Amino acid sequence: MVRPPTIDNKVVERSLPVSDVPFLVCVEGNIAAGKSELLSWYNMYNGVTVMKEPIHLWTDFRSYNLLDLKYQDRLGKKGYEMAFQVLANMTRYKQLEETYGTMDVRMIERSPQSGTLVFADRARRHGSLSNLNFEIICEFNKILSNGPYREMVTPDLVVYLDAAPEICYRRIRERGRPEEKNLSVYDLRDLHFSHELWLESTHIRCPVLRLKNDGLVGSEVDLMPEINKKILELRDRKKARIEQGANGAARAPPAE
């Protein structure tokens, strides 16, 4: 008998039921809220396509470490904030494009919308991104999230990992990513506030599943049953809507 994979003796499920309905989940949250850890668990699943943030591209783009340069350019004098925001959203759209068409559940770490309305908007408020550059980023996203791209990038579910800023700060110190060495608890509290503003806005057009994640790194596996239940529930509803629409179209009288 094949045993399911384990991490620290925790059993990890190996698949979600197969479906013929595409489904996109955006995993959102503060820096070090546990998004990558959660997606690492889902990377073991059959029937799930995982898209983690491409940190390797952000830290080595044409030999530039734009993630580090963005953090250093807090006043926005060198334009690295704009360059990073464009690159971050561009790589997210590329991930969504490359995985579009699969019937797997697609799970992406953050979305172009949160990249813009949480991180770029915060940069605008703090002066490292001009109002004009922020509007350009918004227009760029508007174009790519509508028209023929709409179905490709529109989420069916947002999973928000709600971790206390102090917990996130501790995890940042523990993981020791050099680009994040100057992040403060204040930065994380402000980002937490920015996420809350976004979640309460009218920009999100799909269900949001909020989950507390103040436990130890690795405890994200305990959140998976609730996430799986929500995915299956919403995917079944989506399939029913699609079938209802198809049946309605089939019964419609021919145009004269």
C-alpha atoms as a PDB file:
ATOM      1  CA  MET A   1       0.000   0.000   0.000  1.00  0.00           C
ATOM      2  CA  VAL A   2       1.329   3.447  -0.961  1.00  0.00           C
ATOM      3  CA  ARG A   3       1.522   5.712   2.067  1.00  0.00           C
ATOM      4  CA  PRO A   4       0.570   9.368   1.693  1.00  0.00           C
ATOM      5  CA  PRO A   5       3.431  11.867   2.012  1.00  0.00           C
ATOM      6  CA  THR A   6       4.165  13.306   5.426  1.00  0.00           C
ATOM      7  CA  ILE A   7       6.038  16.257   6.867  1.00  0.00           C
ATOM      8  CA  ASP A   8       6.919  16.024  10.560  1.00  0.00           C
ATOM      9  CA  ASN A   9       4.628  12.980  10.746  1.00  0.00           C
ATOM     10  CA  LYS A  10       1.609  14.955   9.467  1.00  0.00           C
ATOM     11  CA  VAL A  11      -0.271  13.119   6.738  1.00  0.00           C
ATOM     12  CA  VAL A  12      -0.761  15.145   3.575  1.00  0.00           C
ATOM     13  CA  GLU A  13      -3.695  14.415   1.292  1.00  0.00           C
ATOM     14  CA  ARG A  14      -2.622  13.630  -2.242  1.00  0.00           C
ATOM     15  CA  SER A  15      -5.395  14.923  -4.482  1.00  0.00           C
ATOM     16  CA  LEU A  16      -8.566  16.893  -4.994  1.00  0.00           C
ATOM     17  CA  PRO A  17     -11.381  15.252  -6.986  1.00  0.00           C
ATOM     18  CA  VAL A  18     -11.052  15.690 -10.739  1.00  0.00           C
ATOM     19  CA  SER A  19     -13.416  18.191 -12.345  1.00  0.00           C
ATOM     20  CA  ASP A  20     -14.030  19.628 -15.808  1.00  0.00           C
ATOM     21  CA  VAL A  21     -14.493  23.129 -14.358  1.00  0.00           C
ATOM     22  CA  PRO A  22     -11.498  25.526 -14.136  1.00  0.00           C
ATOM     23  CA  PHE A  23     -10.999  27.043 -10.680  1.00  0.00           C
ATOM     24  CA  LEU A  24      -8.563  29.718  -9.505  1.00  0.00           C
ATOM     25  CA  VAL A  25      -7.597  30.350  -5.870  1.00  0.00           C
ATOM     26  CA  CYS A  26      -5.552  33.391  -4.815  1.00  0.00           C
ATOM     27  CA  VAL A  27      -3.682  32.891  -1.536  1.00  0.00           C
ATOM     28  CA  GLU A  28      -3.248  36.297   0.078  1.00  0.00           C
ATOM     29  CA  GLY A  29      -1.742  37.694   3.251  1.00  0.00           C
ATOM     30  CA  ASN A  30       0.986  39.793   4.778  1.00  0.00           C
ATOM     31  CA  ILE A  31       4.693  39.175   4.235  1.00  0.00           C
ATOM     32  CA  ALA A  32       5.555  35.903   6.037  1.00  0.00           C
ATOM     33  CA  ALA A  33       1.896  35.119   6.781  1.00  0.00           C
ATOM     34  CA  GLY A  34       2.440  31.492   5.695  1.00  0.00           C
ATOM     35  CA  LYS A  35       1.436  31.611   2.022  1.00  0.00           C
ATOM     36  CA  SER A  36       4.493  29.808   0.650  1.00  0.00           C
ATOM     37  CA  GLU A  37       4.287  27.168   3.362  1.00  0.00           C
ATOM     38  CA  LEU A  38       0.624  26.493   2.594  1.00  0.00           C
ATOM     39  CA  LEU A  39       1.342  26.211  -1.124  1.00  0.00           C
ATOM     40  CA  SER A  40       4.223  23.821  -0.411  1.00  0.00           C
ATOM     41  CA  TRP A  41       1.690  21.438   1.101  1.00  0.00           C
ATOM     42  CA  TYR A  42      -0.570  21.814  -1.934  1.00  0.00           C
ATOM     43  CA  ASN A  43       2.392  21.160  -4.225  1.00  0.00           C
ATOM     44  CA  MET A  44       2.108  17.532  -3.106  1.00  0.00           C
ATOM     45  CA  TYR A  45      -1.429  17.264  -4.457  1.00  0.00           C
ATOM     46  CA  ASN A  46      -2.573  15.709  -7.683  1.00  0.00           C
ATOM     47  CA  GLY A  47      -5.155  17.920  -9.337  1.00  0.00           C
ATOM     48  CA  VAL A  48      -3.595  21.164  -8.055  1.00  0.00           C
ATOM     49  CA  THR A  49      -1.281  23.502  -9.972  1.00  0.00           C
ATOM     50  CA  VAL A  50       0.691  25.742  -7.611  1.00  0.00           C
ATOM     51  CA  MET A  51       2.165  29.120  -8.594  1.00  0.00           C
ATOM     52  CA  LYS A  52       4.489  30.517  -5.930  1.00  0.00           C
ATOM     53  CA  GLU A  53       5.865  34.027  -6.099  1.00  0.00           C
ATOM     54  CA  PRO A  54       8.837  33.898  -8.508  1.00  0.00           C
ATOM     55  CA  ILE A  55      11.304  35.428  -6.043  1.00  0.00           C
ATOM     56  CA  HIS A  56      14.210  34.163  -8.160  1.00  0.00           C
ATOM     57  CA  LEU A  57      13.078  36.388 -11.042  1.00  0.00           C
ATOM     58  CA  TRP A  58      12.595  39.409  -8.805  1.00  0.00           C
ATOM     59  CA  THR A  59      16.048  39.067  -7.259  1.00  0.00           C
ATOM     60  CA  ASP A  60      17.865  38.406 -10.549  1.00  0.00           C
ATOM     61  CA  PHE A  61      16.192  40.292 -13.386  1.00  0.00           C
ATOM     62  CA  ARG A  62      18.816  41.156 -16.004  1.00  0.00           C
ATOM     63  CA  SER A  63      21.321  40.927 -13.107  1.00  0.00           C
ATOM     64  CA  TYR A  64      19.298  43.424 -11.015  1.00  0.00           C
ATOM     65  CA  ASN A  65      17.917  42.460  -7.603  1.00  0.00           C
ATOM     66  CA  LEU A  66      14.768  44.539  -7.941  1.00  0.00           C
ATOM     67  CA  LEU A  67      13.292  43.267  -4.691  1.00  0.00           C
ATOM     68  CA  ASP A  68      16.281  44.572  -2.770  1.00  0.00           C
ATOM     69  CA  LEU A  69      16.463  47.820  -4.774  1.00  0.00           C
ATOM     70  CA  LYS A  70      12.756  48.462  -4.108  1.00  0.00           C
ATOM     71  CA  TYR A  71      13.255  48.098  -0.345  1.00  0.00           C
ATOM     72  CA  GLN A  72      16.280  50.412  -0.464  1.00  0.00           C
ATOM     73  CA  ASP A  73      14.482  53.067  -2.526  1.00  0.00           C
ATOM     74  CA  ARG A  74      11.989  54.000   0.186  1.00  0.00           C
ATOM     75  CA  LEU A  75      11.640  57.562  -1.053  1.00  0.00           C
ATOM     76  CA  GLY A  76      11.111  56.495  -4.653  1.00  0.00           C
ATOM     77  CA  LYS A  77      13.865  58.758  -5.979  1.00  0.00           C
ATOM     78  CA  LYS A  78      15.370  56.102  -8.266  1.00  0.00           C
ATOM     79  CA  GLY A  79      12.140  54.626  -9.647  1.00  0.00           C
ATOM     80  CA  TYR A  80      12.770  51.102  -8.414  1.00  0.00           C
ATOM     81  CA  GLU A  81       9.326  50.863  -6.775  1.00  0.00           C
ATOM     82  CA  MET A  82       7.641  51.356 -10.153  1.00  0.00           C
ATOM     83  CA  ALA A  83       9.994  48.901 -11.853  1.00  0.00           C
ATOM     84  CA  PHE A  84       9.364  46.263  -9.200  1.00  0.00           C
ATOM     85  CA  GLN A  85       5.567  46.632  -9.221  1.00  0.00           C
ATOM     86  CA  VAL A  86       5.447  46.276 -13.006  1.00  0.00           C
ATOM     87  CA  LEU A  87       7.751  43.233 -12.918  1.00  0.00           C
ATOM     88  CA  ALA A  88       5.818  41.592 -10.061  1.00  0.00           C
ATOM     89  CA  ASN A  89       2.475  41.911 -11.815  1.00  0.00           C
ATOM     90  CA  MET A  90       3.940  40.962 -15.186  1.00  0.00           C
ATOM     91  CA  THR A  91       5.317  37.708 -13.770  1.00  0.00           C
ATOM     92  CA  ARG A  92       1.989  36.938 -12.062  1.00  0.00           C
ATOM     93  CA  TYR A  93       0.091  37.412 -15.326  1.00  0.00           C
ATOM     94  CA  LYS A  94       2.641  35.170 -17.055  1.00  0.00           C
ATOM     95  CA  GLN A  95       2.082  32.443 -14.453  1.00  0.00           C
ATOM     96  CA  LEU A  96      -1.684  32.696 -14.918  1.00  0.00           C
ATOM     97  CA  GLU A  97      -1.349  32.578 -18.699  1.00  0.00           C
ATOM     98  CA  GLU A  98       0.974  29.562 -18.668  1.00  0.00           C
ATOM     99  CA  THR A  99      -1.342  27.529 -16.423  1.00  0.00           C
ATOM    100  CA  TYR A 100      -4.610  28.572 -18.067  1.00  0.00           C
ATOM    101  CA  GLY A 101      -6.523  25.700 -19.648  1.00  0.00           C
ATOM    102  CA  THR A 102      -5.660  23.088 -17.046  1.00  0.00           C
ATOM    103  CA  MET A 103      -8.574  21.514 -15.219  1.00  0.00           C
ATOM    104  CA  ASP A 104      -6.477  21.385 -12.056  1.00  0.00           C
ATOM    105  CA  VAL A 105      -7.346  23.770  -9.253  1.00  0.00           C
ATOM    106  CA  ARG A 106      -4.882  26.623  -9.837  1.00  0.00           C
ATOM    107  CA  MET A 107      -3.488  28.242  -6.696  1.00  0.00           C
ATOM    108  CA  ILE A 108      -1.397  31.411  -6.970  1.00  0.00           C
ATOM    109  CA  GLU A 109       0.535  33.233  -4.267  1.00  0.00           C
ATOM    110  CA  ARG A 110      -0.987  36.701  -4.281  1.00  0.00           C
ATOM    111  CA  SER A 111      -2.799  38.204  -7.248  1.00  0.00           C
ATOM    112  CA  PRO A 112      -2.219  41.142  -9.593  1.00  0.00           C
ATOM    113  CA  GLN A 113      -5.085  42.895  -7.803  1.00  0.00           C
ATOM    114  CA  SER A 114      -3.525  42.684  -4.333  1.00  0.00           C
ATOM    115  CA  GLY A 115      -0.143  43.567  -5.818  1.00  0.00           C
ATOM    116  CA  THR A 116      -1.713  46.790  -7.032  1.00  0.00           C
ATOM    117  CA  LEU A 117      -4.357  47.680  -4.457  1.00  0.00           C
ATOM    118  CA  VAL A 118      -2.347  46.615  -1.391  1.00  0.00           C
ATOM    119  CA  PHE A 119       1.360  46.978  -2.154  1.00  0.00           C
ATOM    120  CA  ALA A 120       1.451  49.580  -4.935  1.00  0.00           C
ATOM    121  CA  ASP A 121      -1.238  51.649  -3.194  1.00  0.00           C
ATOM    122  CA  ARG A 122       0.746  51.569   0.043  1.00  0.00           C
ATOM    123  CA  ALA A 123       3.838  52.702  -1.873  1.00  0.00           C
ATOM    124  CA  ARG A 124       1.777  55.566  -3.281  1.00  0.00           C
ATOM    125  CA  ARG A 125       0.572  56.590   0.169  1.00  0.00           C
ATOM    126  CA  HIS A 126       4.133  56.569   1.497  1.00  0.00           C
ATOM    127  CA  GLY A 127       5.581  58.526  -1.406  1.00  0.00           C
ATOM    128  CA  SER A 128       7.799  55.880  -3.039  1.00  0.00           C
ATOM    129  CA  LEU A 129       5.391  55.664  -5.993  1.00  0.00           C
ATOM    130  CA  SER A 130       3.938  58.747  -7.664  1.00  0.00           C
ATOM    131  CA  ASN A 131       0.198  59.125  -8.221  1.00  0.00           C
ATOM    132  CA  LEU A 132       0.812  59.030 -11.967  1.00  0.00           C
ATOM    133  CA  ASN A 133       2.787  55.775 -11.822  1.00  0.00           C
ATOM    134  CA  PHE A 134       0.128  54.237  -9.600  1.00  0.00           C
ATOM    135  CA  GLU A 135      -2.570  55.149 -12.137  1.00  0.00           C
ATOM    136  CA  ILE A 136      -0.469  53.623 -14.941  1.00  0.00           C
ATOM    137  CA  ILE A 137      -0.189  50.351 -12.986  1.00  0.00           C
ATOM    138  CA  CYS A 138      -3.956  50.395 -12.343  1.00  0.00           C
ATOM    139  CA  GLU A 139      -4.661  50.951 -16.054  1.00  0.00           C
ATOM    140  CA  PHE A 140      -2.246  48.169 -16.998  1.00  0.00           C
ATOM    141  CA  ASN A 141      -4.086  45.771 -14.679  1.00  0.00           C
ATOM    142  CA  LYS A 142      -7.495  46.903 -15.887  1.00  0.00           C
ATOM    143  CA  ILE A 143      -6.568  46.061 -19.472  1.00  0.00           C
ATOM    144  CA  LEU A 144      -5.124  42.654 -18.605  1.00  0.00           C
ATOM    145  CA  SER A 145      -7.959  41.629 -16.280  1.00  0.00           C
ATOM    146  CA  ASN A 146     -10.734  42.346 -18.767  1.00  0.00           C
ATOM    147  CA  GLY A 147     -11.642  41.357 -22.289  1.00  0.00           C
ATOM    148  CA  PRO A 148     -10.097  38.083 -23.490  1.00  0.00           C
ATOM    149  CA  TYR A 149      -7.948  37.816 -20.347  1.00  0.00           C
ATOM    150  CA  ARG A 150     -10.833  38.023 -17.893  1.00  0.00           C
ATOM    151  CA  GLU A 151     -11.520  34.313 -17.435  1.00  0.00           C
ATOM    152  CA  MET A 152      -7.807  33.549 -17.269  1.00  0.00           C
ATOM    153  CA  VAL A 153      -7.096  35.845 -14.284  1.00  0.00           C
ATOM    154  CA  THR A 154     -10.393  36.179 -12.385  1.00  0.00           C
ATOM    155  CA  PRO A 155     -10.275  34.303  -9.053  1.00  0.00           C
ATOM    156  CA  ASP A 156     -13.043  32.010  -7.865  1.00  0.00           C
ATOM    157  CA  LEU A 157     -11.848  32.172  -4.245  1.00  0.00           C
ATOM    158  CA  VAL A 158      -9.509  34.316  -2.155  1.00  0.00           C
ATOM    159  CA  VAL A 159      -7.894  32.545   0.797  1.00  0.00           C
ATOM    160  CA  TYR A 160      -6.610  35.193   3.213  1.00  0.00           C
ATOM    161  CA  LEU A 161      -4.110  34.068   5.846  1.00  0.00           C
ATOM    162  CA  ASP A 162      -4.626  36.441   8.748  1.00  0.00           C
ATOM    163  CA  ALA A 163      -1.413  36.483  10.767  1.00  0.00           C
ATOM    164  CA  ALA A 164      -0.572  39.048  13.433  1.00  0.00           C
ATOM    165  CA  PRO A 165       2.149  41.496  12.272  1.00  0.00           C
ATOM    166  CA  GLU A 166       4.289  40.552  15.269  1.00  0.00           C
ATOM    167  CA  ILE A 167       4.139  36.884  14.236  1.00  0.00           C
ATOM    168  CA  CYS A 168       5.080  37.822  10.665  1.00  0.00           C
ATOM    169  CA  TYR A 169       8.021  39.855  11.933  1.00  0.00           C
ATOM    170  CA  ARG A 170       9.316  36.906  13.949  1.00  0.00           C
ATOM    171  CA  ARG A 171       9.049  34.626  10.912  1.00  0.00           C
ATOM    172  CA  ILE A 172      10.911  37.171   8.757  1.00  0.00           C
ATOM    173  CA  ARG A 173      13.765  37.245  11.247  1.00  0.00           C
ATOM    174  CA  GLU A 174      13.821  33.435  11.341  1.00  0.00           C
ATOM    175  CA  ARG A 175      13.916  32.918   7.571  1.00  0.00           C
ATOM    176  CA  GLY A 176      16.609  35.559   7.105  1.00  0.00           C
ATOM    177  CA  ARG A 177      15.873  36.698   3.565  1.00  0.00           C
ATOM    178  CA  PRO A 178      18.507  39.452   3.056  1.00  0.00           C
ATOM    179  CA  GLU A 179      16.182  41.760   1.084  1.00  0.00           C
ATOM    180  CA  GLU A 180      13.822  41.885   4.086  1.00  0.00           C
ATOM    181  CA  LYS A 181      16.421  42.755   6.733  1.00  0.00           C
ATOM    182  CA  ASN A 182      15.200  46.352   7.138  1.00  0.00           C
ATOM    183  CA  LEU A 183      11.485  45.566   7.374  1.00  0.00           C
ATOM    184  CA  SER A 184      10.016  46.694  10.691  1.00  0.00           C
ATOM    185  CA  VAL A 185       6.974  45.698  12.708  1.00  0.00           C
ATOM    186  CA  TYR A 186       5.550  49.093  11.681  1.00  0.00           C
ATOM    187  CA  ASP A 187       5.828  48.117   8.001  1.00  0.00           C
ATOM    188  CA  LEU A 188       3.981  44.869   8.684  1.00  0.00           C
ATOM    189  CA  ARG A 189       1.264  46.602  10.718  1.00  0.00           C
ATOM    190  CA  ASP A 190       0.754  49.065   7.881  1.00  0.00           C
ATOM    191  CA  LEU A 191       0.563  46.237   5.331  1.00  0.00           C
ATOM    192  CA  HIS A 192      -1.925  44.434   7.576  1.00  0.00           C
ATOM    193  CA  PHE A 193      -4.057  47.597   7.566  1.00  0.00           C
ATOM    194  CA  SER A 194      -3.708  47.860   3.769  1.00  0.00           C
ATOM    195  CA  HIS A 195      -4.920  44.275   3.367  1.00  0.00           C
ATOM    196  CA  GLU A 196      -7.915  44.993   5.588  1.00  0.00           C
ATOM    197  CA  LEU A 197      -8.858  48.031   3.473  1.00  0.00           C
ATOM    198  CA  TRP A 198      -8.650  45.934   0.321  1.00  0.00           C
ATOM    199  CA  LEU A 199     -10.667  43.046   1.759  1.00  0.00           C
ATOM    200  CA  GLU A 200     -13.433  45.425   2.838  1.00  0.00           C
ATOM    201  CA  SER A 201     -13.545  47.177  -0.550  1.00  0.00           C
ATOM    202  CA  THR A 202     -15.820  46.394  -3.476  1.00  0.00           C
ATOM    203  CA  HIS A 203     -12.914  45.342  -5.693  1.00  0.00           C
ATOM    204  CA  ILE A 204     -13.072  41.667  -4.696  1.00  0.00           C
ATOM    205  CA  ARG A 205     -15.893  39.981  -6.603  1.00  0.00           C
ATOM    206  CA  CYS A 206     -15.509  36.443  -5.264  1.00  0.00           C
ATOM    207  CA  PRO A 207     -15.866  34.746  -1.853  1.00  0.00           C
ATOM    208  CA  VAL A 208     -13.101  35.355   0.699  1.00  0.00           C
ATOM    209  CA  LEU A 209     -12.082  32.649   3.178  1.00  0.00           C
ATOM    210  CA  ARG A 210     -10.293  34.266   6.138  1.00  0.00           C
ATOM    211  CA  LEU A 211      -8.176  31.934   8.243  1.00  0.00           C
ATOM    212  CA  LYS A 212      -6.156  32.775  11.341  1.00  0.00           C
ATOM    213  CA  ASN A 213      -2.548  31.627  10.985  1.00  0.00           C
ATOM    214  CA  ASP A 214      -0.652  32.612  14.105  1.00  0.00           C
ATOM    215  CA  GLY A 215       0.756  29.136  14.727  1.00  0.00           C
ATOM    216  CA  LEU A 216       4.222  27.769  14.112  1.00  0.00           C
ATOM    217  CA  VAL A 217       5.583  27.451  10.593  1.00  0.00           C
ATOM    218  CA  GLY A 218       4.221  24.171   9.240  1.00  0.00           C
ATOM    219  CA  SER A 219       0.866  24.460  10.986  1.00  0.00           C
ATOM    220  CA  GLU A 220      -0.636  25.614   7.673  1.00  0.00           C
ATOM    221  CA  VAL A 221      -1.460  21.968   6.980  1.00  0.00           C
ATOM    222  CA  ASP A 222      -4.169  22.252   9.645  1.00  0.00           C
ATOM    223  CA  LEU A 223      -5.972  24.867   7.524  1.00  0.00           C
ATOM    224  CA  MET A 224      -6.250  22.630   4.485  1.00  0.00           C
ATOM    225  CA  PRO A 225      -9.458  20.714   5.323  1.00  0.00           C
ATOM    226  CA  GLU A 226     -11.432  23.961   5.541  1.00  0.00           C
ATOM    227  CA  ILE A 227      -9.844  25.269   2.340  1.00  0.00           C
ATOM    228  CA  ASN A 228     -10.544  22.014   0.486  1.00  0.00           C
ATOM    229  CA  LYS A 229     -14.158  22.024   1.634  1.00  0.00           C
ATOM    230  CA  LYS A 230     -14.625  25.584   0.365  1.00  0.00           C
ATOM    231  CA  ILE A 231     -12.970  24.840  -2.974  1.00  0.00           C
ATOM    232  CA  LEU A 232     -15.186  21.816  -3.617  1.00  0.00           C
ATOM    233  CA  GLU A 233     -18.324  23.672  -2.532  1.00  0.00           C
ATOM    234  CA  LEU A 234     -17.655  26.659  -4.800  1.00  0.00           C
ATOM    235  CA  ARG A 235     -16.481  24.540  -7.718  1.00  0.00           C
ATOM    236  CA  ASP A 236     -19.688  22.488  -7.591  1.00  0.00           C
ATOM    237  CA  ARG A 237     -21.711  25.710  -7.596  1.00  0.00           C
ATOM    238  CA  LYS A 238     -19.728  27.030 -10.559  1.00  0.00           C
ATOM    239  CA  LYS A 239     -20.269  23.816 -12.493  1.00  0.00           C
ATOM    240  CA  ALA A 240     -24.024  23.955 -11.777  1.00  0.00           C
ATOM    241  CA  ARG A 241     -24.168  27.552 -13.073  1.00  0.00           C
ATOM    242  CA  ILE A 242     -22.294  26.604 -16.234  1.00  0.00           C
ATOM    243  CA  GLU A 243     -24.572  23.620 -16.871  1.00  0.00           C
ATOM    244  CA  GLN A 244     -27.670  25.681 -16.165  1.00  0.00           C
ATOM    245  CA  GLY A 245     -26.492  28.316 -18.642  1.00  0.00           C
ATOM    246  CA  ALA A 246     -25.755  25.672 -21.283  1.00  0.00           C
ATOM    247  CA  ASN A 247     -29.150  24.050 -20.823  1.00  0.00           C
ATOM    248  CA  GLY A 248     -30.857  27.412 -21.036  1.00  0.00           C
ATOM    249  CA  ALA A 249     -29.039  28.201 -24.276  1.00  0.00           C
ATOM    250  CA  ALA A 250     -30.003  24.813 -25.709  1.00  0.00           C
ATOM    251  CA  ARG A 251     -33.688  25.399 -24.945  1.00  0.00           C
ATOM    252  CA  ALA A 252     -33.751  28.922 -26.354  1.00  0.00           C
ATOM    253  CA  PRO A 253     -35.778  29.270 -29.593  1.00  0.00           C
ATOM    254  CA  PRO A 254     -33.758  29.969 -32.736  1.00  0.00           C
ATOM    255  CA  ALA A 255     -33.406  33.606 -33.709  1.00  0.00           C
ATOM    256  CA  GLU A 256     -35.714  34.676 -36.510  1.00  0.00           C
END
